[in-house]
Amino acid sequence: MLIHGAVIKEQGLTFAVVSVQASQMVNQAVAQKTVATLKPVFPGIPIVLMTQDPDGKACFMGRSDIATFLSTVPVKSIPWKRYEVQFSA
């Protein structure tokens, strides 16, 4: 499965942001399960999930300091890449 994400280094912190469907951020339990699936792709760094509302406004879920920072960054300026996620059976 291909995902869109970015690894960002800012103010001495390295973290990942991953674009997901809104259904992956419906509640904390679902979000944590999604993050657990992504950990092999982004090992050892915090992962923040991002979705966009119908108007294109970004919403973030994850570490509050990182989510707050990302809310000040234009989505188009995030260095998005495609990553492949392998699901284990």
N, C-alpha and C. Protein backbone atom coordinates (compact mmCIF):
# COMPACT_ATOMS: atom_id res chain seq x y z
N MET A 1 0.84 -1.17 0.00
CA MET A 1 0.00 0.00 0.00
C MET A 1 0.89 1.24 0.00
N LEU A 2 0.56 2.21 -0.82
CA LEU A 2 1.32 3.45 -0.87
C LEU A 2 0.65 4.51 0.01
N ILE A 3 1.48 5.25 0.74
CA ILE A 3 0.99 6.35 1.56
C ILE A 3 1.76 7.61 1.20
N HIS A 4 1.22 8.76 1.55
CA HIS A 4 1.91 10.02 1.40
C HIS A 4 2.34 10.48 2.78
N GLY A 5 3.63 10.74 2.91
CA GLY A 5 4.16 11.18 4.19
C GLY A 5 5.39 12.03 4.00
N ALA A 6 5.89 12.53 5.10
CA ALA A 6 7.10 13.34 5.06
C ALA A 6 7.85 13.18 6.37
N VAL A 7 9.15 13.17 6.28
CA VAL A 7 10.00 13.23 7.46
C VAL A 7 10.52 14.66 7.52
N ILE A 8 10.31 15.28 8.66
CA ILE A 8 10.66 16.69 8.83
C ILE A 8 11.62 16.82 10.00
N LYS A 9 12.65 17.64 9.81
CA LYS A 9 13.57 17.98 10.89
C LYS A 9 13.39 19.46 11.15
N GLU A 10 12.97 19.77 12.37
CA GLU A 10 12.68 21.15 12.73
C GLU A 10 13.04 21.36 14.19
N GLN A 11 13.80 22.41 14.46
CA GLN A 11 14.16 22.79 15.82
C GLN A 11 14.73 21.62 16.61
N GLY A 12 15.60 20.85 15.97
CA GLY A 12 16.27 19.74 16.63
C GLY A 12 15.43 18.49 16.81
N LEU A 13 14.24 18.46 16.24
CA LEU A 13 13.34 17.31 16.36
C LEU A 13 13.05 16.73 14.98
N THR A 14 13.14 15.42 14.87
CA THR A 14 12.78 14.73 13.63
C THR A 14 11.47 14.00 13.87
N PHE A 15 10.52 14.18 12.96
CA PHE A 15 9.21 13.54 13.09
C PHE A 15 8.64 13.27 11.70
N ALA A 16 7.59 12.46 11.67
CA ALA A 16 6.92 12.15 10.40
C ALA A 16 5.50 12.68 10.46
N VAL A 17 5.01 13.10 9.31
CA VAL A 17 3.60 13.44 9.15
C VAL A 17 3.09 12.59 8.00
N VAL A 18 1.91 11.99 8.19
CA VAL A 18 1.35 11.09 7.20
C VAL A 18 -0.08 11.51 6.89
N SER A 19 -0.37 11.63 5.62
CA SER A 19 -1.72 11.98 5.17
C SER A 19 -2.59 10.73 5.19
N VAL A 20 -3.74 10.82 5.89
CA VAL A 20 -4.65 9.68 6.01
C VAL A 20 -6.08 10.13 5.74
N GLN A 21 -6.95 9.15 5.56
CA GLN A 21 -8.38 9.43 5.44
C GLN A 21 -8.91 9.87 6.80
N ALA A 22 -9.95 10.68 6.80
CA ALA A 22 -10.53 11.15 8.06
C ALA A 22 -10.95 10.00 8.96
N SER A 23 -11.34 8.88 8.37
CA SER A 23 -11.77 7.73 9.17
C SER A 23 -10.64 7.16 10.04
N GLN A 24 -9.39 7.46 9.67
CA GLN A 24 -8.25 7.00 10.47
C GLN A 24 -7.99 7.89 11.68
N MET A 25 -8.74 8.99 11.76
CA MET A 25 -8.57 9.92 12.88
C MET A 25 -9.89 10.11 13.62
N VAL A 26 -10.82 9.17 13.48
CA VAL A 26 -12.14 9.30 14.08
C VAL A 26 -12.08 9.32 15.60
N ASN A 27 -11.12 8.59 16.17
CA ASN A 27 -10.92 8.62 17.62
C ASN A 27 -9.49 8.18 17.92
N GLN A 28 -9.11 8.31 19.19
CA GLN A 28 -7.73 8.03 19.59
C GLN A 28 -7.35 6.57 19.35
N ALA A 29 -8.25 5.64 19.59
CA ALA A 29 -7.94 4.21 19.41
C ALA A 29 -7.62 3.89 17.95
N VAL A 30 -8.44 4.40 17.05
CA VAL A 30 -8.21 4.16 15.62
C VAL A 30 -6.90 4.82 15.18
N ALA A 31 -6.67 6.04 15.65
CA ALA A 31 -5.44 6.75 15.29
C ALA A 31 -4.21 6.00 15.80
N GLN A 32 -4.26 5.49 17.02
CA GLN A 32 -3.13 4.75 17.57
C GLN A 32 -2.85 3.47 16.78
N LYS A 33 -3.91 2.81 16.33
CA LYS A 33 -3.74 1.61 15.51
C LYS A 33 -3.08 1.97 14.17
N THR A 34 -3.49 3.08 13.59
CA THR A 34 -2.89 3.55 12.34
C THR A 34 -1.41 3.87 12.54
N VAL A 35 -1.10 4.58 13.62
CA VAL A 35 0.30 4.91 13.91
C VAL A 35 1.12 3.65 14.11
N ALA A 36 0.58 2.66 14.80
CA ALA A 36 1.30 1.40 15.02
C ALA A 36 1.64 0.72 13.69
N THR A 37 0.72 0.80 12.74
CA THR A 37 0.96 0.23 11.41
C THR A 37 2.09 0.97 10.69
N LEU A 38 2.23 2.26 10.96
CA LEU A 38 3.22 3.09 10.27
C LEU A 38 4.60 3.07 10.91
N LYS A 39 4.71 2.59 12.14
CA LYS A 39 5.99 2.62 12.85
C LYS A 39 7.14 1.95 12.10
N PRO A 40 6.92 0.83 11.40
CA PRO A 40 8.05 0.24 10.65
C PRO A 40 8.56 1.15 9.52
N VAL A 41 7.70 2.00 9.01
CA VAL A 41 8.10 2.90 7.93
C VAL A 41 8.88 4.09 8.49
N PHE A 42 8.53 4.51 9.70
CA PHE A 42 9.15 5.67 10.35
C PHE A 42 9.65 5.27 11.74
N PRO A 43 10.63 4.37 11.80
CA PRO A 43 11.05 3.83 13.10
C PRO A 43 11.72 4.88 13.99
N GLY A 44 11.32 4.85 15.26
CA GLY A 44 12.00 5.67 16.25
C GLY A 44 11.69 7.15 16.26
N ILE A 45 10.73 7.59 15.44
CA ILE A 45 10.39 9.01 15.44
C ILE A 45 8.88 9.17 15.65
N PRO A 46 8.48 10.29 16.24
CA PRO A 46 7.04 10.53 16.42
C PRO A 46 6.33 10.63 15.08
N ILE A 47 5.09 10.13 15.04
CA ILE A 47 4.27 10.18 13.82
C ILE A 47 3.02 10.99 14.11
N VAL A 48 2.75 11.95 13.26
CA VAL A 48 1.54 12.76 13.35
C VAL A 48 0.69 12.46 12.13
N LEU A 49 -0.60 12.23 12.34
CA LEU A 49 -1.52 11.98 11.23
C LEU A 49 -2.15 13.29 10.79
N MET A 50 -2.41 13.39 9.49
CA MET A 50 -3.04 14.59 8.94
C MET A 50 -4.15 14.20 7.98
N THR A 51 -5.24 14.91 8.06
CA THR A 51 -6.30 14.78 7.07
C THR A 51 -6.75 16.18 6.71
N GLN A 52 -7.50 16.30 5.63
CA GLN A 52 -8.00 17.60 5.21
C GLN A 52 -9.51 17.54 5.13
N ASP A 53 -10.14 18.64 5.56
CA ASP A 53 -11.59 18.72 5.45
C ASP A 53 -11.97 19.06 4.01
N PRO A 54 -13.25 19.07 3.66
CA PRO A 54 -13.65 19.33 2.27
C PRO A 54 -13.16 20.68 1.71
N ASP A 55 -12.88 21.61 2.60
CA ASP A 55 -12.36 22.92 2.17
C ASP A 55 -10.85 22.93 2.05
N GLY A 56 -10.20 21.82 2.37
CA GLY A 56 -8.75 21.72 2.26
C GLY A 56 -8.01 22.11 3.52
N LYS A 57 -8.73 22.42 4.60
CA LYS A 57 -8.07 22.77 5.85
C LYS A 57 -7.52 21.51 6.50
N ALA A 58 -6.26 21.57 6.89
CA ALA A 58 -5.59 20.42 7.48
C ALA A 58 -5.94 20.29 8.96
N CYS A 59 -6.09 19.04 9.40
CA CYS A 59 -6.30 18.69 10.80
C CYS A 59 -5.22 17.68 11.16
N PHE A 60 -4.64 17.81 12.34
CA PHE A 60 -3.53 16.95 12.75
C PHE A 60 -3.87 16.23 14.05
N MET A 61 -3.37 14.99 14.19
CA MET A 61 -3.54 14.23 15.41
C MET A 61 -2.20 13.56 15.73
N GLY A 62 -1.73 13.77 16.94
CA GLY A 62 -0.47 13.21 17.38
C GLY A 62 0.08 14.07 18.50
N ARG A 63 1.38 14.05 18.66
CA ARG A 63 1.99 14.85 19.72
C ARG A 63 1.55 16.30 19.58
N SER A 64 1.06 16.87 20.66
CA SER A 64 0.44 18.19 20.57
C SER A 64 1.42 19.28 20.13
N ASP A 65 2.68 19.22 20.57
CA ASP A 65 3.63 20.25 20.14
C ASP A 65 3.89 20.18 18.64
N ILE A 66 3.96 18.97 18.11
CA ILE A 66 4.20 18.81 16.67
C ILE A 66 2.95 19.20 15.88
N ALA A 67 1.78 18.76 16.34
CA ALA A 67 0.53 19.11 15.66
C ALA A 67 0.33 20.62 15.63
N THR A 68 0.64 21.28 16.75
CA THR A 68 0.52 22.75 16.79
C THR A 68 1.47 23.39 15.80
N PHE A 69 2.71 22.91 15.75
CA PHE A 69 3.67 23.44 14.78
C PHE A 69 3.17 23.23 13.35
N LEU A 70 2.72 22.00 13.04
CA LEU A 70 2.28 21.71 11.68
C LEU A 70 1.07 22.55 11.27
N SER A 71 0.25 22.94 12.23
CA SER A 71 -0.92 23.75 11.89
C SER A 71 -0.52 25.14 11.40
N THR A 72 0.74 25.52 11.59
CA THR A 72 1.22 26.82 11.10
C THR A 72 1.94 26.71 9.75
N VAL A 73 2.10 25.48 9.28
CA VAL A 73 2.85 25.23 8.04
C VAL A 73 1.87 24.99 6.90
N PRO A 74 2.02 25.69 5.77
CA PRO A 74 1.16 25.40 4.62
C PRO A 74 1.37 23.95 4.15
N VAL A 75 0.27 23.24 3.94
CA VAL A 75 0.34 21.82 3.54
C VAL A 75 1.18 21.64 2.28
N LYS A 76 1.10 22.58 1.36
CA LYS A 76 1.85 22.46 0.11
C LYS A 76 3.36 22.58 0.32
N SER A 77 3.79 23.13 1.44
CA SER A 77 5.23 23.27 1.68
C SER A 77 5.83 22.06 2.37
N ILE A 78 4.99 21.11 2.79
CA ILE A 78 5.49 19.88 3.40
C ILE A 78 6.13 19.02 2.30
N PRO A 79 7.33 18.49 2.54
CA PRO A 79 8.04 17.73 1.50
C PRO A 79 7.50 16.30 1.35
N TRP A 80 6.29 16.18 0.81
CA TRP A 80 5.61 14.88 0.67
C TRP A 80 6.39 13.93 -0.22
N LYS A 81 6.38 12.66 0.19
CA LYS A 81 6.93 11.57 -0.61
C LYS A 81 5.96 10.40 -0.52
N ARG A 82 6.14 9.45 -1.41
CA ARG A 82 5.36 8.22 -1.33
C ARG A 82 6.18 7.17 -0.61
N TYR A 83 5.52 6.47 0.29
CA TYR A 83 6.14 5.39 1.03
C TYR A 83 5.29 4.14 0.87
N GLU A 84 5.95 3.00 0.86
CA GLU A 84 5.21 1.74 0.76
C GLU A 84 5.10 1.12 2.16
N VAL A 85 3.89 0.73 2.52
CA VAL A 85 3.63 0.09 3.79
C VAL A 85 3.29 -1.36 3.52
N GLN A 86 4.01 -2.26 4.19
CA GLN A 86 3.73 -3.70 4.08
C GLN A 86 2.97 -4.12 5.32
N PHE A 87 1.83 -4.73 5.12
CA PHE A 87 1.03 -5.23 6.24
C PHE A 87 1.43 -6.67 6.50
N SER A 88 1.67 -7.00 7.76
CA SER A 88 2.01 -8.37 8.11
C SER A 88 0.72 -9.17 8.31
N ALA A 89 0.74 -10.41 7.91
CA ALA A 89 -0.45 -11.25 8.01
C ALA A 89 -0.65 -11.81 9.38
